[in-house]
Amino acid sequence: MERLFLDHVYRWLKPGGVLALAIPGQRLCEASSILSVHFRDIRVYRLTEPESTRYGQVVLFGVRRTRHERERLQDAEITRCAVGTNSW
């Protein structure tokens, strides 16, 4: 569901804009393909409020890439980001 949400709404964020998204931590992998291509400087933080802990929620921050940045990406960079060897 998070991947579908990101697939539709990432376009609404202008290049250089910051995404802040609270999602269950176990859903992060399914959204990684969109995140690795369209966002940079991605950071994930675990939420510590009791309700957030109960559902394993994290908050994700990322900066939307410009078209030029996306075109310069190498396939290896996208793969590296998607499998989580980045600083997520």
N, C-alpha and C. Protein backbone atom coordinates (compact mmCIF):
# COMPACT_ATOMS: atom_id res chain seq x y z
N MET A 1 0.82 -1.19 0.00
CA MET A 1 0.00 0.00 0.00
C MET A 1 0.87 1.26 0.00
N GLU A 2 1.97 1.26 0.78
CA GLU A 2 2.86 2.42 0.84
C GLU A 2 3.50 2.67 -0.51
N ARG A 3 3.86 1.59 -1.21
CA ARG A 3 4.48 1.74 -2.53
C ARG A 3 3.48 2.39 -3.49
N LEU A 4 2.26 1.95 -3.45
CA LEU A 4 1.21 2.52 -4.31
C LEU A 4 1.01 4.00 -3.98
N PHE A 5 0.97 4.32 -2.69
CA PHE A 5 0.83 5.71 -2.26
C PHE A 5 1.99 6.56 -2.81
N LEU A 6 3.22 6.10 -2.62
CA LEU A 6 4.38 6.85 -3.10
C LEU A 6 4.37 6.99 -4.62
N ASP A 7 3.97 5.92 -5.30
CA ASP A 7 3.94 5.93 -6.75
C ASP A 7 3.03 7.04 -7.28
N HIS A 8 1.96 7.35 -6.57
CA HIS A 8 1.03 8.38 -7.02
C HIS A 8 1.38 9.78 -6.52
N VAL A 9 1.94 9.90 -5.34
CA VAL A 9 2.09 11.24 -4.77
C VAL A 9 3.49 11.84 -4.83
N TYR A 10 4.53 11.04 -5.17
CA TYR A 10 5.87 11.64 -5.18
C TYR A 10 5.95 12.77 -6.20
N ARG A 11 5.16 12.70 -7.25
CA ARG A 11 5.16 13.74 -8.30
C ARG A 11 4.69 15.09 -7.78
N TRP A 12 3.91 15.08 -6.74
CA TRP A 12 3.38 16.33 -6.19
C TRP A 12 4.45 17.12 -5.45
N LEU A 13 5.52 16.47 -5.10
CA LEU A 13 6.61 17.13 -4.38
C LEU A 13 7.58 17.70 -5.41
N LYS A 14 7.85 18.98 -5.33
CA LYS A 14 8.74 19.58 -6.32
C LYS A 14 10.17 19.12 -6.09
N PRO A 15 11.01 19.11 -7.14
CA PRO A 15 12.41 18.72 -6.99
C PRO A 15 13.08 19.58 -5.91
N GLY A 16 13.80 18.92 -5.03
CA GLY A 16 14.44 19.59 -3.91
C GLY A 16 13.54 19.64 -2.68
N GLY A 17 12.27 19.26 -2.84
CA GLY A 17 11.34 19.24 -1.72
C GLY A 17 11.62 18.05 -0.80
N VAL A 18 11.21 18.16 0.43
CA VAL A 18 11.49 17.13 1.44
C VAL A 18 10.25 16.29 1.69
N LEU A 19 10.43 14.99 1.59
CA LEU A 19 9.38 14.02 1.91
C LEU A 19 9.52 13.62 3.37
N ALA A 20 8.43 13.65 4.11
CA ALA A 20 8.39 13.12 5.48
C ALA A 20 7.22 12.13 5.51
N LEU A 21 7.53 10.87 5.76
CA LEU A 21 6.52 9.83 5.67
C LEU A 21 6.64 8.90 6.86
N ALA A 22 5.56 8.73 7.60
CA ALA A 22 5.54 7.78 8.71
C ALA A 22 4.88 6.50 8.22
N ILE A 23 5.61 5.38 8.32
CA ILE A 23 5.10 4.09 7.85
C ILE A 23 5.57 2.99 8.79
N PRO A 24 4.92 1.84 8.74
CA PRO A 24 5.45 0.69 9.50
C PRO A 24 6.82 0.31 8.94
N GLY A 25 7.77 0.06 9.81
CA GLY A 25 9.13 -0.26 9.39
C GLY A 25 9.24 -1.43 8.44
N GLN A 26 8.38 -2.44 8.62
CA GLN A 26 8.44 -3.61 7.76
C GLN A 26 7.99 -3.32 6.33
N ARG A 27 7.39 -2.18 6.09
CA ARG A 27 6.94 -1.80 4.74
C ARG A 27 8.00 -1.01 3.97
N LEU A 28 9.10 -0.71 4.59
CA LEU A 28 10.14 0.10 3.98
C LEU A 28 10.72 -0.56 2.73
N CYS A 29 10.91 -1.86 2.76
CA CYS A 29 11.51 -2.56 1.61
C CYS A 29 10.65 -2.46 0.37
N GLU A 30 9.34 -2.58 0.52
CA GLU A 30 8.48 -2.55 -0.66
C GLU A 30 8.44 -1.16 -1.30
N ALA A 31 8.79 -0.12 -0.58
CA ALA A 31 8.83 1.24 -1.13
C ALA A 31 10.22 1.62 -1.62
N SER A 32 11.20 0.76 -1.42
CA SER A 32 12.59 1.13 -1.71
C SER A 32 12.86 1.40 -3.19
N SER A 33 12.15 0.74 -4.10
CA SER A 33 12.42 0.96 -5.52
C SER A 33 12.07 2.39 -5.94
N ILE A 34 10.97 2.91 -5.46
CA ILE A 34 10.60 4.30 -5.78
C ILE A 34 11.51 5.27 -5.04
N LEU A 35 11.78 4.98 -3.77
CA LEU A 35 12.61 5.87 -2.97
C LEU A 35 14.01 6.00 -3.55
N SER A 36 14.62 4.90 -3.97
CA SER A 36 16.01 4.95 -4.45
C SER A 36 16.16 5.72 -5.76
N VAL A 37 15.13 5.73 -6.59
CA VAL A 37 15.21 6.45 -7.86
C VAL A 37 14.85 7.92 -7.71
N HIS A 38 13.83 8.21 -6.95
CA HIS A 38 13.28 9.57 -6.94
C HIS A 38 13.72 10.43 -5.75
N PHE A 39 14.42 9.83 -4.78
CA PHE A 39 14.82 10.59 -3.59
C PHE A 39 16.29 10.36 -3.25
N ARG A 40 16.89 11.36 -2.66
CA ARG A 40 18.28 11.27 -2.19
C ARG A 40 18.32 11.68 -0.72
N ASP A 41 19.45 11.48 -0.11
CA ASP A 41 19.65 11.86 1.30
C ASP A 41 18.54 11.28 2.18
N ILE A 42 18.25 10.03 1.97
CA ILE A 42 17.17 9.37 2.71
C ILE A 42 17.66 8.99 4.10
N ARG A 43 16.84 9.32 5.07
CA ARG A 43 17.12 8.97 6.47
C ARG A 43 15.87 8.37 7.08
N VAL A 44 16.05 7.36 7.90
CA VAL A 44 14.95 6.68 8.56
C VAL A 44 15.19 6.71 10.06
N TYR A 45 14.17 7.09 10.81
CA TYR A 45 14.26 7.16 12.27
C TYR A 45 13.11 6.37 12.88
N ARG A 46 13.41 5.60 13.89
CA ARG A 46 12.38 4.85 14.61
C ARG A 46 11.61 5.80 15.52
N LEU A 47 10.30 5.69 15.50
CA LEU A 47 9.46 6.51 16.38
C LEU A 47 9.35 5.81 17.74
N THR A 48 9.33 6.59 18.81
CA THR A 48 9.41 6.00 20.15
C THR A 48 8.16 6.17 21.00
N GLU A 49 7.16 6.86 20.50
CA GLU A 49 5.91 6.98 21.25
C GLU A 49 5.29 5.59 21.39
N PRO A 50 4.58 5.32 22.49
CA PRO A 50 4.02 3.98 22.71
C PRO A 50 3.18 3.45 21.54
N GLU A 51 2.33 4.28 20.96
CA GLU A 51 1.51 3.82 19.83
C GLU A 51 2.36 3.53 18.60
N SER A 52 3.38 4.34 18.38
CA SER A 52 4.27 4.12 17.25
C SER A 52 5.09 2.85 17.44
N THR A 53 5.55 2.61 18.65
CA THR A 53 6.31 1.41 18.96
C THR A 53 5.44 0.17 18.79
N ARG A 54 4.21 0.28 19.19
CA ARG A 54 3.27 -0.84 19.08
C ARG A 54 3.15 -1.31 17.63
N TYR A 55 3.15 -0.39 16.68
CA TYR A 55 3.00 -0.73 15.27
C TYR A 55 4.34 -0.72 14.51
N GLY A 56 5.43 -0.53 15.21
CA GLY A 56 6.75 -0.56 14.58
C GLY A 56 6.95 0.54 13.56
N GLN A 57 6.42 1.71 13.83
CA GLN A 57 6.50 2.80 12.86
C GLN A 57 7.86 3.49 12.84
N VAL A 58 8.21 3.94 11.65
CA VAL A 58 9.41 4.75 11.44
C VAL A 58 8.99 5.99 10.68
N VAL A 59 9.81 7.01 10.74
CA VAL A 59 9.58 8.19 9.90
C VAL A 59 10.75 8.25 8.93
N LEU A 60 10.42 8.53 7.69
CA LEU A 60 11.39 8.56 6.61
C LEU A 60 11.46 9.98 6.07
N PHE A 61 12.67 10.48 5.90
CA PHE A 61 12.88 11.78 5.28
C PHE A 61 13.73 11.59 4.04
N GLY A 62 13.38 12.28 2.97
CA GLY A 62 14.16 12.21 1.74
C GLY A 62 13.95 13.47 0.93
N VAL A 63 14.93 13.79 0.11
CA VAL A 63 14.87 14.98 -0.75
C VAL A 63 14.62 14.51 -2.18
N ARG A 64 13.60 15.05 -2.81
CA ARG A 64 13.29 14.61 -4.17
C ARG A 64 14.39 15.04 -5.13
N ARG A 65 14.81 14.09 -5.94
CA ARG A 65 15.85 14.35 -6.94
C ARG A 65 15.29 15.21 -8.08
N THR A 66 16.18 15.96 -8.71
CA THR A 66 15.80 16.69 -9.93
C THR A 66 15.87 15.70 -11.10
N ARG A 67 15.30 16.10 -12.21
CA ARG A 67 15.35 15.24 -13.40
C ARG A 67 16.80 14.97 -13.80
N HIS A 68 17.64 15.98 -13.71
CA HIS A 68 19.06 15.83 -14.05
C HIS A 68 19.74 14.81 -13.13
N GLU A 69 19.43 14.86 -11.85
CA GLU A 69 20.01 13.89 -10.90
C GLU A 69 19.55 12.47 -11.22
N ARG A 70 18.29 12.30 -11.56
CA ARG A 70 17.79 10.96 -11.90
C ARG A 70 18.45 10.43 -13.16
N GLU A 71 18.66 11.28 -14.14
CA GLU A 71 19.28 10.84 -15.40
C GLU A 71 20.73 10.45 -15.21
N ARG A 72 21.41 11.04 -14.24
CA ARG A 72 22.82 10.74 -13.99
C ARG A 72 23.02 9.47 -13.17
N LEU A 73 21.96 8.96 -12.57
CA LEU A 73 22.09 7.77 -11.74
C LEU A 73 22.58 6.58 -12.55
N GLN A 74 23.49 5.85 -11.99
CA GLN A 74 23.95 4.60 -12.58
C GLN A 74 23.07 3.47 -12.06
N ASP A 75 22.92 2.42 -12.83
CA ASP A 75 22.13 1.27 -12.38
C ASP A 75 22.67 0.71 -11.07
N ALA A 76 23.97 0.69 -10.90
CA ALA A 76 24.57 0.16 -9.67
C ALA A 76 24.18 1.00 -8.46
N GLU A 77 24.08 2.32 -8.65
CA GLU A 77 23.69 3.19 -7.53
C GLU A 77 22.25 2.92 -7.11
N ILE A 78 21.38 2.72 -8.07
CA ILE A 78 19.98 2.44 -7.77
C ILE A 78 19.87 1.12 -7.04
N THR A 79 20.59 0.12 -7.52
CA THR A 79 20.56 -1.20 -6.87
C THR A 79 21.11 -1.11 -5.47
N ARG A 80 22.20 -0.39 -5.27
CA ARG A 80 22.79 -0.25 -3.95
C ARG A 80 21.79 0.39 -2.98
N CYS A 81 21.12 1.43 -3.44
CA CYS A 81 20.13 2.09 -2.59
C CYS A 81 18.95 1.17 -2.30
N ALA A 82 18.51 0.43 -3.30
CA ALA A 82 17.33 -0.40 -3.15
C ALA A 82 17.56 -1.57 -2.18
N VAL A 83 18.79 -2.09 -2.12
CA VAL A 83 19.04 -3.22 -1.21
C VAL A 83 19.45 -2.77 0.16
N GLY A 84 19.59 -1.48 0.37
CA GLY A 84 19.79 -0.98 1.73
C GLY A 84 21.22 -0.81 2.16
N THR A 85 22.19 -0.82 1.24
CA THR A 85 23.57 -0.59 1.65
C THR A 85 23.87 0.90 1.75
N ASN A 86 22.89 1.71 1.45
CA ASN A 86 23.03 3.15 1.63
C ASN A 86 22.95 3.44 3.12
N SER A 87 22.91 4.67 3.50
CA SER A 87 22.91 5.04 4.92
C SER A 87 21.51 5.00 5.54
N TRP A 88 20.58 4.26 4.99
CA TRP A 88 19.23 4.17 5.54
C TRP A 88 19.35 3.58 6.88
